[in-house]
C-alpha atoms as a PDB file:
ATOM      1  CA  MET A   1     149.367  73.352 116.104  1.00  0.00           C
ATOM      2  CA  PHE A   2     151.108  75.810 113.764  1.00  0.00           C
ATOM      3  CA  LEU A   3     148.615  74.885 111.032  1.00  0.00           C
ATOM      4  CA  SER A   4     145.290  73.789 112.445  1.00  0.00           C
ATOM      5  CA  ILE A   5     141.648  73.606 111.377  1.00  0.00           C
ATOM      6  CA  ASN A   6     140.845  76.292 113.972  1.00  0.00           C
ATOM      7  CA  ARG A   7     143.391  78.639 112.395  1.00  0.00           C
ATOM      8  CA  LEU A   8     141.947  77.955 108.947  1.00  0.00           C
ATOM      9  CA  SER A   9     138.422  78.670 110.219  1.00  0.00           C
ATOM     10  CA  GLN A  10     139.594  81.928 111.773  1.00  0.00           C
ATOM     11  CA  TYR A  11     141.252  82.948 108.502  1.00  0.00           C
ATOM     12  CA  ASN A  12     138.093  82.193 106.508  1.00  0.00           C
ATOM     13  CA  LYS A  13     135.972  84.142 108.990  1.00  0.00           C
ATOM     14  CA  ASP A  14     138.186  87.223 109.451  1.00  0.00           C
ATOM     15  CA  GLY A  15     140.044  87.330 106.123  1.00  0.00           C
ATOM     16  CA  TYR A  16     143.418  87.400 107.874  1.00  0.00           C
ATOM     17  CA  ILE A  17     145.510  85.462 110.369  1.00  0.00           C
ATOM     18  CA  CYS A  18     148.646  86.457 112.306  1.00  0.00           C
ATOM     19  CA  PHE A  19     151.691  84.292 112.975  1.00  0.00           C
ATOM     20  CA  ASP A  20     154.495  85.044 115.417  1.00  0.00           C
ATOM     21  CA  ASN A  21     158.137  84.429 114.540  1.00  0.00           C
ATOM     22  CA  ILE A  22     157.676  83.737 110.833  1.00  0.00           C
ATOM     23  CA  ILE A  23     161.248  85.059 110.754  1.00  0.00           C
ATOM     24  CA  ASN A  24     163.758  84.491 113.529  1.00  0.00           C
ATOM     25  CA  LYS A  25     163.869  87.784 115.436  1.00  0.00           C
ATOM     26  CA  LYS A  26     167.687  87.673 115.355  1.00  0.00           C
ATOM     27  CA  ASN A  27     167.569  87.749 111.556  1.00  0.00           C
ATOM     28  CA  CYS A  28     165.444  90.913 111.326  1.00  0.00           C
ATOM     29  CA  PRO A  29     168.378  93.352 111.872  1.00  0.00           C
ATOM     30  CA  LYS A  30     170.358  91.427 109.233  1.00  0.00           C
ATOM     31  CA  ILE A  31     167.526  91.767 106.715  1.00  0.00           C
ATOM     32  CA  ILE A  32     167.150  95.478 107.521  1.00  0.00           C
ATOM     33  CA  LYS A  33     170.887  95.944 106.938  1.00  0.00           C
ATOM     34  CA  ILE A  34     170.641  94.260 103.513  1.00  0.00           C
ATOM     35  CA  VAL A  35     167.791  96.567 102.494  1.00  0.00           C
ATOM     36  CA  ARG A  36     169.486  99.737 103.759  1.00  0.00           C
ATOM     37  CA  ASN A  37     172.811  98.862 102.128  1.00  0.00           C
ATOM     38  CA  PHE A  38     170.986  98.266  98.862  1.00  0.00           C
ATOM     39  CA  GLN A  39     169.205 101.615  99.208  1.00  0.00           C
ATOM     40  CA  SER A  40     172.465 103.474  99.855  1.00  0.00           C
ATOM     41  CA  LYS A  41     174.040 102.024  96.721  1.00  0.00           C
ATOM     42  CA  ASN A  42     170.933 102.278  94.550  1.00  0.00           C
ATOM     43  CA  LYS A  43     169.430 105.517  95.774  1.00  0.00           C
ATOM     44  CA  PHE A  44     166.202 106.472  94.056  1.00  0.00           C
ATOM     45  CA  ASN A  45     166.272 103.426  91.783  1.00  0.00           C
ATOM     46  CA  ASN A  46     162.479 103.526  91.811  1.00  0.00           C
ATOM     47  CA  LYS A  47     161.793 107.105  90.714  1.00  0.00           C
ATOM     48  CA  LEU A  48     158.046 106.527  90.406  1.00  0.00           C
ATOM     49  CA  ASP A  49     157.686 105.793  94.114  1.00  0.00           C
ATOM     50  CA  ARG A  50     160.049 108.271  95.728  1.00  0.00           C
ATOM     51  CA  ASN A  51     159.159 109.923  99.013  1.00  0.00           C
ATOM     52  CA  HIS A  52     159.007 113.764  98.974  1.00  0.00           C
ATOM     53  CA  PRO A  53     159.815 113.836  95.211  1.00  0.00           C
ATOM     54  CA  PHE A  54     159.031 117.556  94.911  1.00  0.00           C
ATOM     55  CA  SER A  55     161.190 118.611  97.850  1.00  0.00           C
ATOM     56  CA  ASN A  56     164.833 119.494  98.452  1.00  0.00           C
ATOM     57  CA  ILE A  57     164.942 117.361 101.595  1.00  0.00           C
ATOM     58  CA  SER A  58     168.343 115.672 101.412  1.00  0.00           C
ATOM     59  CA  ASP A  59     167.316 112.386 103.007  1.00  0.00           C
ATOM     60  CA  ASN A  60     164.670 111.471 100.447  1.00  0.00           C
ATOM     61  CA  TYR A  61     164.215 107.759  99.994  1.00  0.00           C
ATOM     62  CA  ASP A  62     162.230 105.270  97.942  1.00  0.00           C
ATOM     63  CA  LYS A  63     158.838 104.265  99.298  1.00  0.00           C
ATOM     64  CA  VAL A  64     159.200 100.849  97.709  1.00  0.00           C
ATOM     65  CA  VAL A  65     162.399  98.789  97.575  1.00  0.00           C
ATOM     66  CA  ILE A  66     162.787  95.806  95.256  1.00  0.00           C
ATOM     67  CA  LEU A  67     166.074  93.987  95.734  1.00  0.00           C
ATOM     68  CA  ASP A  68     168.219  92.588  92.933  1.00  0.00           C
ATOM     69  CA  GLN A  69     168.991  88.890  92.454  1.00  0.00           C
ATOM     70  CA  LYS A  70     172.204  89.057  94.462  1.00  0.00           C
ATOM     71  CA  ASN A  71     170.513  90.465  97.563  1.00  0.00           C
ATOM     72  CA  ASN A  72     167.485  88.220  97.198  1.00  0.00           C
ATOM     73  CA  LYS A  73     169.826  85.255  97.516  1.00  0.00           C
ATOM     74  CA  LYS A  74     170.980  86.672 100.840  1.00  0.00           C
ATOM     75  CA  LEU A  75     167.350  86.770 101.970  1.00  0.00           C
ATOM     76  CA  ASP A  76     166.929  83.097 101.130  1.00  0.00           C
ATOM     77  CA  LYS A  77     169.399  82.299 103.917  1.00  0.00           C
ATOM     78  CA  LEU A  78     167.516  84.392 106.474  1.00  0.00           C
ATOM     79  CA  ILE A  79     163.858  83.738 105.620  1.00  0.00           C
ATOM     80  CA  ASP A  80     162.159  80.360 105.276  1.00  0.00           C
ATOM     81  CA  PHE A  81     160.147  81.116 102.135  1.00  0.00           C
ATOM     82  CA  LYS A  82     159.109  77.450 101.832  1.00  0.00           C
ATOM     83  CA  LYS A  83     157.410  77.820 105.204  1.00  0.00           C
ATOM     84  CA  ILE A  84     155.548  80.897 103.944  1.00  0.00           C
ATOM     85  CA  GLU A  85     154.420  78.985 100.842  1.00  0.00           C
ATOM     86  CA  LYS A  86     153.292  76.064 103.017  1.00  0.00           C
ATOM     87  CA  ILE A  87     151.107  78.291 105.222  1.00  0.00           C
ATOM     88  CA  ALA A  88     149.711  80.151 102.203  1.00  0.00           C
ATOM     89  CA  SER A  89     148.859  76.853 100.502  1.00  0.00           C
ATOM     90  CA  PHE A  90     147.126  75.576 103.651  1.00  0.00           C
ATOM     91  CA  LEU A  91     145.031  78.739 104.004  1.00  0.00           C
ATOM     92  CA  SER A  92     144.170  78.858 100.286  1.00  0.00           C
ATOM     93  CA  LYS A  93     143.545  75.112 100.007  1.00  0.00           C
ATOM     94  CA  THR A  94     145.685  75.022  96.883  1.00  0.00           C
ATOM     95  CA  GLU A  95     149.386  75.087  96.024  1.00  0.00           C
ATOM     96  CA  MET A  96     150.700  78.639  96.217  1.00  0.00           C
ATOM     97  CA  ASN A  97     154.038  79.987  94.990  1.00  0.00           C
ATOM     98  CA  ILE A  98     155.837  83.245  95.771  1.00  0.00           C
ATOM     99  CA  TRP A  99     155.839  85.507  92.733  1.00  0.00           C
ATOM    100  CA  PHE A 100     156.865  88.885  94.159  1.00  0.00           C
ATOM    101  CA  ARG A 101     158.554  90.309  97.236  1.00  0.00           C
ATOM    102  CA  LYS A 102     159.231  93.931  98.125  1.00  0.00           C
ATOM    103  CA  PHE A 103     159.933  96.229 101.065  1.00  0.00           C
ATOM    104  CA  TYR A 104     158.141  99.344 102.301  1.00  0.00           C
ATOM    105  CA  PRO A 105     160.268 101.672 104.474  1.00  0.00           C
ATOM    106  CA  LYS A 106     158.103 103.831 106.734  1.00  0.00           C
ATOM    107  CA  HIS A 107     160.574 106.155 108.375  1.00  0.00           C
ATOM    108  CA  SER A 108     159.991 107.961 111.645  1.00  0.00           C
ATOM    109  CA  PHE A 109     158.044 111.231 111.555  1.00  0.00           C
ATOM    110  CA  ASP A 110     157.482 111.313 107.779  1.00  0.00           C
ATOM    111  CA  GLY A 111     156.511 107.785 106.691  1.00  0.00           C
ATOM    112  CA  ASP A 112     153.425 108.289 104.525  1.00  0.00           C
ATOM    113  CA  ASN A 113     149.985 106.742 104.987  1.00  0.00           C
ATOM    114  CA  GLU A 114     148.660 103.948 102.794  1.00  0.00           C
ATOM    115  CA  PHE A 115     145.123 104.510 101.495  1.00  0.00           C
ATOM    116  CA  TYR A 116     142.628 101.842 102.504  1.00  0.00           C
ATOM    117  CA  HIS A 117     142.109  99.440  99.623  1.00  0.00           C
ATOM    118  CA  GLN A 118     141.617  95.866  98.486  1.00  0.00           C
ATOM    119  CA  ASP A 119     144.618  94.403  96.687  1.00  0.00           C
ATOM    120  CA  TYR A 120     142.372  92.637  94.220  1.00  0.00           C
ATOM    121  CA  ALA A 121     141.208  96.030  92.919  1.00  0.00           C
ATOM    122  CA  TYR A 122     144.627  96.279  91.240  1.00  0.00           C
ATOM    123  CA  HIS A 123     144.405  92.777  89.748  1.00  0.00           C
ATOM    124  CA  LYS A 124     140.754  92.307  88.789  1.00  0.00           C
ATOM    125  CA  ASP A 125     141.423  92.870  85.068  1.00  0.00           C
ATOM    126  CA  LYS A 126     144.245  90.338  84.794  1.00  0.00           C
ATOM    127  CA  ASP A 127     142.026  87.189  84.540  1.00  0.00           C
ATOM    128  CA  ALA A 128     143.182  85.500  87.779  1.00  0.00           C
ATOM    129  CA  LYS A 129     140.433  85.300  90.424  1.00  0.00           C
ATOM    130  CA  ASN A 130     140.754  86.671  93.952  1.00  0.00           C
ATOM    131  CA  LYS A 131     141.094  83.156  95.395  1.00  0.00           C
ATOM    132  CA  GLU A 132     144.253  82.658  93.318  1.00  0.00           C
ATOM    133  CA  TYR A 133     146.101  85.286  95.399  1.00  0.00           C
ATOM    134  CA  ILE A 134     147.174  85.630  99.018  1.00  0.00           C
ATOM    135  CA  GLN A 135     149.540  88.078 100.706  1.00  0.00           C
ATOM    136  CA  CYS A 136     151.982  87.745 103.582  1.00  0.00           C
ATOM    137  CA  PHE A 137     152.799  91.029 105.356  1.00  0.00           C
ATOM    138  CA  ILE A 138     155.913  90.808 107.566  1.00  0.00           C
ATOM    139  CA  SER A 139     157.030  93.301 110.210  1.00  0.00           C
ATOM    140  CA  LEU A 140     160.808  93.603 110.478  1.00  0.00           C
ATOM    141  CA  GLU A 141     160.588  96.136 113.300  1.00  0.00           C
ATOM    142  CA  ASN A 142     157.967  96.420 116.047  1.00  0.00           C
ATOM    143  CA  HIS A 143     154.782  97.966 114.662  1.00  0.00           C
ATOM    144  CA  PHE A 144     152.635 100.199 116.863  1.00  0.00           C
ATOM    145  CA  VAL A 145     149.495 102.244 116.209  1.00  0.00           C
ATOM    146  CA  GLU A 146     151.409 105.534 116.531  1.00  0.00           C
ATOM    147  CA  SER A 147     154.033 104.360 114.054  1.00  0.00           C
ATOM    148  CA  GLY A 148     151.466 103.469 111.408  1.00  0.00           C
ATOM    149  CA  CYS A 149     150.863  99.742 111.829  1.00  0.00           C
ATOM    150  CA  LEU A 150     148.717  97.760 109.423  1.00  0.00           C
ATOM    151  CA  ARG A 151     144.956  98.183 109.976  1.00  0.00           C
ATOM    152  CA  VAL A 152     142.280  95.891 108.568  1.00  0.00           C
ATOM    153  CA  PHE A 153     138.491  95.796 108.397  1.00  0.00           C
ATOM    154  CA  LYS A 154     137.768  92.441 109.999  1.00  0.00           C
ATOM    155  CA  GLY A 155     135.750  90.154 107.724  1.00  0.00           C
ATOM    156  CA  SER A 156     135.561  92.722 104.912  1.00  0.00           C
ATOM    157  CA  HIS A 157     136.778  90.146 102.361  1.00  0.00           C
ATOM    158  CA  LYS A 158     133.246  88.717 102.429  1.00  0.00           C
ATOM    159  CA  LEU A 159     131.925  91.933 100.875  1.00  0.00           C
ATOM    160  CA  GLY A 160     133.541  91.031  97.569  1.00  0.00           C
ATOM    161  CA  LEU A 161     135.248  93.685  95.477  1.00  0.00           C
ATOM    162  CA  ILE A 162     133.835  97.140  96.265  1.00  0.00           C
ATOM    163  CA  LYS A 163     134.060 100.316  94.201  1.00  0.00           C
ATOM    164  CA  HIS A 164     137.452 102.068  94.244  1.00  0.00           C
ATOM    165  CA  HIS A 165     138.369 105.585  93.099  1.00  0.00           C
ATOM    166  CA  THR A 166     141.682 106.808  91.710  1.00  0.00           C
ATOM    167  CA  VAL A 167     143.561 109.273  93.927  1.00  0.00           C
ATOM    168  CA  MET A 168     147.016 110.836  93.744  1.00  0.00           C
ATOM    169  CA  THR A 169     149.541 110.474  96.565  1.00  0.00           C
ATOM    170  CA  ARG A 170     152.007 113.155  97.639  1.00  0.00           C
ATOM    171  CA  ASN A 171     154.735 111.406  95.634  1.00  0.00           C
ATOM    172  CA  GLY A 172     152.808 111.643  92.375  1.00  0.00           C
ATOM    173  CA  VAL A 173     151.644 108.019  92.107  1.00  0.00           C
ATOM    174  CA  SER A 174     148.027 107.030  91.571  1.00  0.00           C
ATOM    175  CA  LYS A 175     146.345 104.757  94.102  1.00  0.00           C
ATOM    176  CA  LEU A 176     142.938 103.104  94.376  1.00  0.00           C
ATOM    177  CA  THR A 177     140.725 103.583  97.426  1.00  0.00           C
ATOM    178  CA  PRO A 178     137.023 103.427  98.362  1.00  0.00           C
ATOM    179  CA  SER A 179     135.357 106.688  99.342  1.00  0.00           C
ATOM    180  CA  SER A 180     135.410 107.704 102.998  1.00  0.00           C
ATOM    181  CA  SER A 181     131.597 107.480 103.145  1.00  0.00           C
ATOM    182  CA  THR A 182     131.760 103.872 101.930  1.00  0.00           C
ATOM    183  CA  LEU A 183     134.425 102.991 104.498  1.00  0.00           C
ATOM    184  CA  LYS A 184     132.376 104.636 107.245  1.00  0.00           C
ATOM    185  CA  LYS A 185     129.392 102.439 106.410  1.00  0.00           C
ATOM    186  CA  ILE A 186     131.578  99.339 106.292  1.00  0.00           C
ATOM    187  CA  SER A 187     133.157 100.157 109.672  1.00  0.00           C
ATOM    188  CA  LYS A 188     129.732  99.845 111.347  1.00  0.00           C
ATOM    189  CA  LYS A 189     129.622  96.129 110.571  1.00  0.00           C
ATOM    190  CA  ASN A 190     133.295  95.276 110.030  1.00  0.00           C
ATOM    191  CA  LYS A 191     135.459  96.306 112.982  1.00  0.00           C
ATOM    192  CA  LEU A 192     138.628  98.225 112.137  1.00  0.00           C
ATOM    193  CA  LYS A 193     141.503  96.363 113.797  1.00  0.00           C
ATOM    194  CA  SER A 194     145.026  97.689 114.426  1.00  0.00           C
ATOM    195  CA  LEU A 195     147.578  94.907 114.006  1.00  0.00           C
ATOM    196  CA  GLU A 196     150.469  95.755 116.316  1.00  0.00           C
ATOM    197  CA  LEU A 197     153.039  93.173 115.245  1.00  0.00           C
ATOM    198  CA  LYS A 198     156.368  92.327 116.822  1.00  0.00           C
ATOM    199  CA  ALA A 199     159.505  92.131 114.694  1.00  0.00           C
ATOM    200  CA  GLY A 200     159.541  88.832 112.820  1.00  0.00           C
ATOM    201  CA  SER A 201     155.764  88.382 112.964  1.00  0.00           C
ATOM    202  CA  CYS A 202     153.428  88.416 109.984  1.00  0.00           C
ATOM    203  CA  VAL A 203     149.843  88.438 108.814  1.00  0.00           C
ATOM    204  CA  PHE A 204     148.441  86.473 105.876  1.00  0.00           C
ATOM    205  CA  PHE A 205     145.380  88.050 104.298  1.00  0.00           C
ATOM    206  CA  ASN A 206     142.823  87.666 101.542  1.00  0.00           C
ATOM    207  CA  TYR A 207     143.216  89.987  98.532  1.00  0.00           C
ATOM    208  CA  ASN A 208     139.680  91.313  99.139  1.00  0.00           C
ATOM    209  CA  LEU A 209     140.400  92.289 102.741  1.00  0.00           C
ATOM    210  CA  ILE A 210     140.218  96.081 103.100  1.00  0.00           C
ATOM    211  CA  HIS A 211     143.436  97.311 104.696  1.00  0.00           C
ATOM    212  CA  GLY A 212     145.649 100.392 105.000  1.00  0.00           C
ATOM    213  CA  SER A 213     147.782 102.311 107.486  1.00  0.00           C
ATOM    214  CA  SER A 214     148.291 105.773 108.913  1.00  0.00           C
ATOM    215  CA  SER A 215     151.462 107.837 108.610  1.00  0.00           C
ATOM    216  CA  ASN A 216     154.344 107.219 110.992  1.00  0.00           C
ATOM    217  CA  ALA A 217     154.166 109.968 113.604  1.00  0.00           C
ATOM    218  CA  SER A 218     156.558 108.251 115.996  1.00  0.00           C
ATOM    219  CA  GLN A 219     160.348 108.294 116.461  1.00  0.00           C
ATOM    220  CA  TYR A 220     160.562 104.635 115.415  1.00  0.00           C
ATOM    221  CA  ASP A 221     161.226 103.408 111.898  1.00  0.00           C
ATOM    222  CA  GLN A 222     159.045 100.731 110.387  1.00  0.00           C
ATOM    223  CA  LEU A 223     160.350  98.444 107.673  1.00  0.00           C
ATOM    224  CA  ARG A 224     157.744  96.041 106.412  1.00  0.00           C
ATOM    225  CA  MET A 225     158.092  93.296 103.818  1.00  0.00           C
ATOM    226  CA  VAL A 226     155.331  92.150 101.497  1.00  0.00           C
ATOM    227  CA  VAL A 227     155.416  88.661 100.019  1.00  0.00           C
ATOM    228  CA  GLN A 228     152.823  88.151  97.297  1.00  0.00           C
ATOM    229  CA  LEU A 229     151.791  84.612  96.474  1.00  0.00           C
ATOM    230  CA  ILE A 230     149.767  83.213  93.606  1.00  0.00           C
ATOM    231  CA  LYS A 231     148.270  79.839  92.774  1.00  0.00           C
ATOM    232  CA  LYS A 232     150.816  77.607  91.029  1.00  0.00           C
ATOM    233  CA  LYS A 233     148.428  76.942  88.120  1.00  0.00           C
ATOM    234  CA  ASN A 234     146.864  80.390  87.769  1.00  0.00           C
ATOM    235  CA  ASN A 235     145.006  82.302  85.067  1.00  0.00           C
ATOM    236  CA  ARG A 236     146.963  85.537  85.391  1.00  0.00           C
ATOM    237  CA  SER A 237     147.490  87.186  81.988  1.00  0.00           C
ATOM    238  CA  LYS A 238     150.829  88.959  81.427  1.00  0.00           C
ATOM    239  CA  LYS A 239     149.384  90.791  78.424  1.00  0.00           C
ATOM    240  CA  LYS A 240     146.443  92.134  80.432  1.00  0.00           C
ATOM    241  CA  ASN A 241     148.803  93.023  83.290  1.00  0.00           C
ATOM    242  CA  ASN A 242     150.809  95.211  80.882  1.00  0.00           C
ATOM    243  CA  ASN A 243     147.593  96.826  79.637  1.00  0.00           C
ATOM    244  CA  VAL A 244     146.513  97.620  83.200  1.00  0.00           C
ATOM    245  CA  TRP A 245     149.852  99.379  83.834  1.00  0.00           C
ATOM    246  CA  LYS A 246     149.571 101.333  80.569  1.00  0.00           C
ATOM    247  CA  ASN A 247     146.072 102.512  81.476  1.00  0.00           C
ATOM    248  CA  ARG A 248     147.224 103.440  84.961  1.00  0.00           C
ATOM    249  CA  ASN A 249     150.091 105.503  83.529  1.00  0.00           C
ATOM    250  CA  LEU A 250     147.643 107.318  81.234  1.00  0.00           C
ATOM    251  CA  LYS A 251     145.384 108.122  84.198  1.00  0.00           C
ATOM    252  CA  GLU A 252     148.346 109.526  86.120  1.00  0.00           C
ATOM    253  CA  ILE A 253     149.271 111.769  83.164  1.00  0.00           C
ATOM    254  CA  LYS A 254     145.686 113.097  83.005  1.00  0.00           C
ATOM    255  CA  ILE A 255     145.628 113.777  86.741  1.00  0.00           C
ATOM    256  CA  LEU A 256     149.001 115.549  86.606  1.00  0.00           C
ATOM    257  CA  GLN A 257     147.772 117.640  83.672  1.00  0.00           C
ATOM    258  CA  LYS A 258     144.727 118.695  85.726  1.00  0.00           C
ATOM    259  CA  ILE A 259     147.062 119.715  88.563  1.00  0.00           C
ATOM    260  CA  ILE A 260     149.214 121.761  86.152  1.00  0.00           C
ATOM    261  CA  ASN A 261     146.131 123.506  84.725  1.00  0.00           C
ATOM    262  CA  LEU A 262     144.846 124.218  88.222  1.00  0.00           C
ATOM    263  CA  LYS A 263     148.201 125.724  89.231  1.00  0.00           C
ATOM    264  CA  ARG A 264     148.094 127.966  86.182  1.00  0.00           C
ATOM    265  CA  LYS A 265     144.613 129.195  87.089  1.00  0.00           C
ATOM    266  CA  LEU A 266     145.712 129.819  90.672  1.00  0.00           C
ATOM    267  CA  GLY A 267     148.719 131.758  89.393  1.00  0.00           C
ATOM    268  CA  GLN A 268     146.535 133.912  87.160  1.00  0.00           C
ATOM    269  CA  ALA A 269     144.109 134.570  90.016  1.00  0.00           C
ATOM    270  CA  ARG A 270     146.956 135.697  92.290  1.00  0.00           C
ATOM    271  CA  ASN A 271     148.255 138.070  89.641  1.00  0.00           C
END
């Protein structure tokens, strides 16, 4: 019953499906320890995605953690990635392989929000179609509404790719998100669901599903893992992927320059 036609139908209808115990709950603290040990030894290894980058707060940390080969091998002993690939392949009706895995620490009281978006908005110019992707979002600690759990617009994957705008986060990284007016219209037909997951549980979702999360206003940390999967025989272009990143970097430079110019004008006005 783990993989059934009913589950597949639900996934196709809603754009997502949850599974309990994708990871043995006893292994979650071990995985968290691996990530935190890596962070302590490789502090701020990802300078482009650092939390509070413009602050003197001493406990700054990376918003995104990507482990090295040595630590990824440790994960292989704690997580059944073949099982994840099997479920992803069943839901996608094609053979899927893991191509990327990363962690998102969302610490108590200051874990930042994630703008609502469709993952495919970041990949639309890389040749591979939306159906060639699927994501597995894993909670390594209990996720509650007040701690910023994942939220999805049920069935929104059926809308296709909608218009996204470039915005700047507090850590100086550009993100894509639909306008609030667009999301408000969508919410009238596609219910916004809060996915409160237990440690070790996960949700598989379509790359066109609109999703995001609020900031963590609770006293509980949230470490979530994202496993990205892609069709084994896919059309993804590495060259176009590099071009997308170059264009994104250029946009960020332009936005930062606008901020600098605005600060100068504000300074002149105050004087």
